[in-house]
N, C-alpha and C. Protein backbone atom coordinates (compact mmCIF):
# COMPACT_ATOMS: atom_id res chain seq x y z
N MET A 1 -10.34 2.22 -19.90
CA MET A 1 -10.41 3.61 -20.30
C MET A 1 -9.09 4.03 -20.93
N THR A 2 -9.14 4.79 -21.96
CA THR A 2 -7.92 5.29 -22.58
C THR A 2 -7.53 6.60 -21.94
N GLU A 3 -6.31 7.02 -22.23
CA GLU A 3 -5.83 8.29 -21.68
C GLU A 3 -6.76 9.43 -22.07
N GLU A 4 -7.26 9.42 -23.32
CA GLU A 4 -8.09 10.52 -23.79
C GLU A 4 -9.46 10.56 -23.11
N SER A 5 -10.02 9.39 -22.77
CA SER A 5 -11.36 9.37 -22.19
C SER A 5 -11.35 9.46 -20.66
N ARG A 6 -10.17 9.37 -20.07
CA ARG A 6 -10.06 9.44 -18.62
C ARG A 6 -10.26 10.89 -18.17
N PRO A 7 -11.12 11.12 -17.18
CA PRO A 7 -11.30 12.50 -16.72
C PRO A 7 -10.02 13.04 -16.10
N ALA A 8 -9.77 14.29 -16.32
CA ALA A 8 -8.58 14.93 -15.76
C ALA A 8 -8.71 15.01 -14.25
N SER A 9 -7.61 14.76 -13.57
CA SER A 9 -7.61 14.87 -12.11
C SER A 9 -7.64 16.34 -11.72
N PRO A 10 -8.40 16.68 -10.69
CA PRO A 10 -8.40 18.06 -10.23
C PRO A 10 -7.10 18.43 -9.51
N LEU A 11 -6.29 17.41 -9.17
CA LEU A 11 -5.03 17.65 -8.48
C LEU A 11 -3.90 17.85 -9.49
N PRO A 12 -2.97 18.74 -9.19
CA PRO A 12 -1.81 18.86 -10.07
C PRO A 12 -0.96 17.59 -9.97
N PRO A 13 -0.21 17.24 -11.01
CA PRO A 13 0.60 16.02 -10.98
C PRO A 13 1.58 15.97 -9.80
N SER A 14 1.99 17.11 -9.30
CA SER A 14 2.93 17.14 -8.18
C SER A 14 2.27 16.87 -6.83
N LEU A 15 0.94 16.78 -6.81
CA LEU A 15 0.21 16.56 -5.56
C LEU A 15 -0.57 15.26 -5.64
N PRO A 16 0.01 14.14 -5.13
CA PRO A 16 -0.72 12.88 -5.19
C PRO A 16 -1.90 12.89 -4.22
N PRO A 17 -2.94 12.11 -4.50
CA PRO A 17 -4.08 12.06 -3.58
C PRO A 17 -3.67 11.48 -2.23
N ARG A 18 -4.30 11.94 -1.18
CA ARG A 18 -4.01 11.45 0.17
C ARG A 18 -4.76 10.15 0.44
N GLY A 19 -6.00 10.06 -0.02
CA GLY A 19 -6.82 8.87 0.19
C GLY A 19 -6.77 7.96 -1.02
N LEU A 20 -6.55 6.67 -0.78
CA LEU A 20 -6.43 5.70 -1.87
C LEU A 20 -7.45 4.58 -1.71
N SER A 21 -8.01 4.15 -2.82
CA SER A 21 -8.88 2.98 -2.80
C SER A 21 -8.02 1.74 -2.53
N ARG A 22 -8.64 0.63 -2.26
CA ARG A 22 -7.94 -0.62 -1.99
C ARG A 22 -7.03 -1.00 -3.16
N ALA A 23 -7.57 -0.97 -4.38
CA ALA A 23 -6.79 -1.36 -5.55
C ALA A 23 -5.61 -0.41 -5.78
N VAL A 24 -5.85 0.88 -5.61
CA VAL A 24 -4.78 1.87 -5.81
C VAL A 24 -3.75 1.76 -4.69
N ALA A 25 -4.19 1.53 -3.46
CA ALA A 25 -3.26 1.36 -2.34
C ALA A 25 -2.35 0.16 -2.58
N ALA A 26 -2.92 -0.94 -3.05
CA ALA A 26 -2.12 -2.13 -3.35
C ALA A 26 -1.12 -1.83 -4.47
N ALA A 27 -1.59 -1.20 -5.53
CA ALA A 27 -0.71 -0.86 -6.65
C ALA A 27 0.38 0.11 -6.21
N TYR A 28 0.05 1.01 -5.31
CA TYR A 28 0.99 2.01 -4.81
C TYR A 28 2.24 1.36 -4.21
N ILE A 29 2.06 0.21 -3.54
CA ILE A 29 3.22 -0.46 -2.96
C ILE A 29 3.65 -1.68 -3.78
N GLY A 30 3.05 -1.85 -4.96
CA GLY A 30 3.52 -2.86 -5.90
C GLY A 30 3.07 -4.28 -5.64
N ILE A 31 1.90 -4.45 -5.02
CA ILE A 31 1.40 -5.80 -4.74
C ILE A 31 -0.05 -5.93 -5.21
N SER A 32 -0.57 -7.15 -5.17
CA SER A 32 -1.96 -7.38 -5.56
C SER A 32 -2.91 -6.94 -4.45
N PRO A 33 -4.16 -6.65 -4.79
CA PRO A 33 -5.15 -6.32 -3.76
C PRO A 33 -5.32 -7.45 -2.73
N ARG A 34 -5.21 -8.69 -3.17
CA ARG A 34 -5.37 -9.82 -2.25
C ARG A 34 -4.24 -9.85 -1.21
N LEU A 35 -3.00 -9.65 -1.66
CA LEU A 35 -1.89 -9.61 -0.72
C LEU A 35 -2.00 -8.38 0.18
N PHE A 36 -2.46 -7.26 -0.37
CA PHE A 36 -2.67 -6.06 0.44
C PHE A 36 -3.66 -6.35 1.57
N ASP A 37 -4.75 -7.06 1.25
CA ASP A 37 -5.73 -7.44 2.27
C ASP A 37 -5.08 -8.26 3.39
N GLU A 38 -4.19 -9.19 3.02
CA GLU A 38 -3.50 -10.01 4.02
C GLU A 38 -2.63 -9.13 4.92
N LEU A 39 -1.94 -8.16 4.32
CA LEU A 39 -1.07 -7.29 5.10
C LEU A 39 -1.88 -6.41 6.05
N VAL A 40 -3.05 -5.97 5.61
CA VAL A 40 -3.93 -5.18 6.48
C VAL A 40 -4.42 -6.06 7.63
N GLN A 41 -4.81 -7.28 7.29
CA GLN A 41 -5.35 -8.19 8.31
C GLN A 41 -4.31 -8.54 9.37
N ASP A 42 -3.05 -8.73 8.96
CA ASP A 42 -2.04 -9.10 9.96
C ASP A 42 -1.32 -7.90 10.57
N GLY A 43 -1.74 -6.69 10.19
CA GLY A 43 -1.21 -5.48 10.83
C GLY A 43 0.02 -4.87 10.19
N ARG A 44 0.51 -5.47 9.10
CA ARG A 44 1.69 -4.88 8.45
C ARG A 44 1.33 -3.65 7.63
N MET A 45 0.08 -3.52 7.24
CA MET A 45 -0.43 -2.31 6.57
C MET A 45 -1.55 -1.75 7.44
N PRO A 46 -1.79 -0.44 7.35
CA PRO A 46 -2.80 0.19 8.22
C PRO A 46 -4.22 -0.19 7.84
N LYS A 47 -5.10 -0.06 8.80
CA LYS A 47 -6.53 -0.25 8.54
C LYS A 47 -7.03 0.97 7.76
N PRO A 48 -8.11 0.81 7.01
CA PRO A 48 -8.63 1.94 6.22
C PRO A 48 -9.42 2.92 7.07
N LYS A 49 -9.64 4.07 6.49
CA LYS A 49 -10.54 5.09 7.05
C LYS A 49 -11.89 4.89 6.38
N LEU A 50 -12.94 5.34 7.03
CA LEU A 50 -14.27 5.27 6.44
C LEU A 50 -14.78 6.69 6.25
N ILE A 51 -15.08 7.05 5.02
CA ILE A 51 -15.64 8.36 4.70
C ILE A 51 -17.01 8.10 4.08
N ASN A 52 -18.06 8.35 4.89
CA ASN A 52 -19.42 7.94 4.52
C ASN A 52 -19.39 6.45 4.21
N SER A 53 -19.68 6.05 2.99
CA SER A 53 -19.67 4.62 2.68
C SER A 53 -18.37 4.19 1.98
N ARG A 54 -17.44 5.12 1.79
CA ARG A 54 -16.18 4.81 1.08
C ARG A 54 -15.11 4.34 2.05
N THR A 55 -14.42 3.29 1.65
CA THR A 55 -13.29 2.76 2.40
C THR A 55 -12.03 3.28 1.72
N ILE A 56 -11.23 4.05 2.47
CA ILE A 56 -10.08 4.75 1.91
C ILE A 56 -8.86 4.53 2.80
N TRP A 57 -7.70 4.31 2.17
CA TRP A 57 -6.44 4.19 2.91
C TRP A 57 -5.67 5.49 2.83
N ASP A 58 -5.08 5.87 3.95
CA ASP A 58 -4.27 7.08 4.04
C ASP A 58 -2.89 6.78 3.44
N ARG A 59 -2.56 7.48 2.37
CA ARG A 59 -1.28 7.27 1.69
C ARG A 59 -0.09 7.45 2.64
N LEU A 60 -0.17 8.42 3.54
CA LEU A 60 0.95 8.66 4.46
C LEU A 60 1.11 7.51 5.46
N ALA A 61 -0.02 6.94 5.91
CA ALA A 61 0.04 5.78 6.81
C ALA A 61 0.62 4.57 6.07
N ILE A 62 0.28 4.44 4.80
CA ILE A 62 0.84 3.35 3.99
C ILE A 62 2.35 3.55 3.85
N ASP A 63 2.78 4.80 3.62
CA ASP A 63 4.21 5.09 3.52
C ASP A 63 4.93 4.66 4.81
N ASP A 64 4.37 5.02 5.96
CA ASP A 64 4.99 4.67 7.24
C ASP A 64 5.05 3.15 7.42
N ALA A 65 3.95 2.46 7.10
CA ALA A 65 3.91 1.00 7.25
C ALA A 65 4.89 0.33 6.29
N PHE A 66 4.97 0.84 5.08
CA PHE A 66 5.89 0.28 4.09
C PHE A 66 7.34 0.46 4.56
N SER A 67 7.65 1.63 5.10
CA SER A 67 9.00 1.90 5.60
C SER A 67 9.36 0.98 6.77
N ALA A 68 8.36 0.55 7.53
CA ALA A 68 8.59 -0.32 8.69
C ALA A 68 8.76 -1.79 8.31
N LEU A 69 8.45 -2.16 7.07
CA LEU A 69 8.63 -3.55 6.65
C LEU A 69 10.12 -3.89 6.70
N PRO A 70 10.45 -5.16 6.99
CA PRO A 70 11.86 -5.53 7.08
C PRO A 70 12.55 -5.45 5.72
N GLU A 71 13.83 -5.12 5.77
CA GLU A 71 14.66 -5.15 4.55
C GLU A 71 14.88 -6.60 4.18
N LYS A 72 15.18 -6.87 2.92
CA LYS A 72 15.40 -8.23 2.46
C LYS A 72 16.50 -8.91 3.26
N GLU A 73 17.61 -8.20 3.52
CA GLU A 73 18.71 -8.79 4.29
C GLU A 73 18.24 -9.21 5.68
N ASP A 74 17.39 -8.38 6.32
CA ASP A 74 16.88 -8.71 7.65
C ASP A 74 15.99 -9.94 7.61
N ALA A 75 15.16 -10.03 6.57
CA ALA A 75 14.24 -11.17 6.45
C ALA A 75 15.01 -12.46 6.16
N ASP A 76 16.12 -12.34 5.41
CA ASP A 76 16.91 -13.52 5.05
C ASP A 76 17.90 -13.93 6.13
N LYS A 77 18.16 -13.04 7.10
CA LYS A 77 19.17 -13.30 8.12
C LYS A 77 18.85 -14.59 8.86
N GLY A 78 19.80 -15.49 8.89
CA GLY A 78 19.62 -16.74 9.61
C GLY A 78 18.83 -17.79 8.85
N LYS A 79 18.34 -17.44 7.67
CA LYS A 79 17.51 -18.38 6.92
C LYS A 79 18.31 -19.62 6.52
N TRP A 80 19.57 -19.42 6.16
CA TRP A 80 20.37 -20.53 5.66
C TRP A 80 21.34 -21.04 6.73
N ALA A 81 21.24 -20.49 7.92
CA ALA A 81 22.15 -20.94 8.98
C ALA A 81 21.75 -22.34 9.46
N CYS A 82 22.76 -23.14 9.72
CA CYS A 82 22.47 -24.46 10.28
C CYS A 82 23.51 -24.75 11.35
N SER A 83 23.13 -25.52 12.32
CA SER A 83 24.08 -25.87 13.37
C SER A 83 24.64 -27.25 13.08
N VAL A 84 25.91 -27.40 13.37
CA VAL A 84 26.58 -28.68 13.09
C VAL A 84 26.97 -29.32 14.38
């Protein structure tokens, strides 16, 4: 879809949607939907909400989970350490 044919969002640009689809939730944190699924499965990302038949992720819960992920320095700590 082009910008011109895309329907206008009823939300103002300053108000992002609270509920996100799987693809949008993955894009929101900069990863693929497949990796997002892995993070949900292992608990690093929240489980979705169910609204009728729609599966939706809470943007605020994603923010909290993303903030709880380790920093690169923390993940790398001890990676190259060796005992002599």
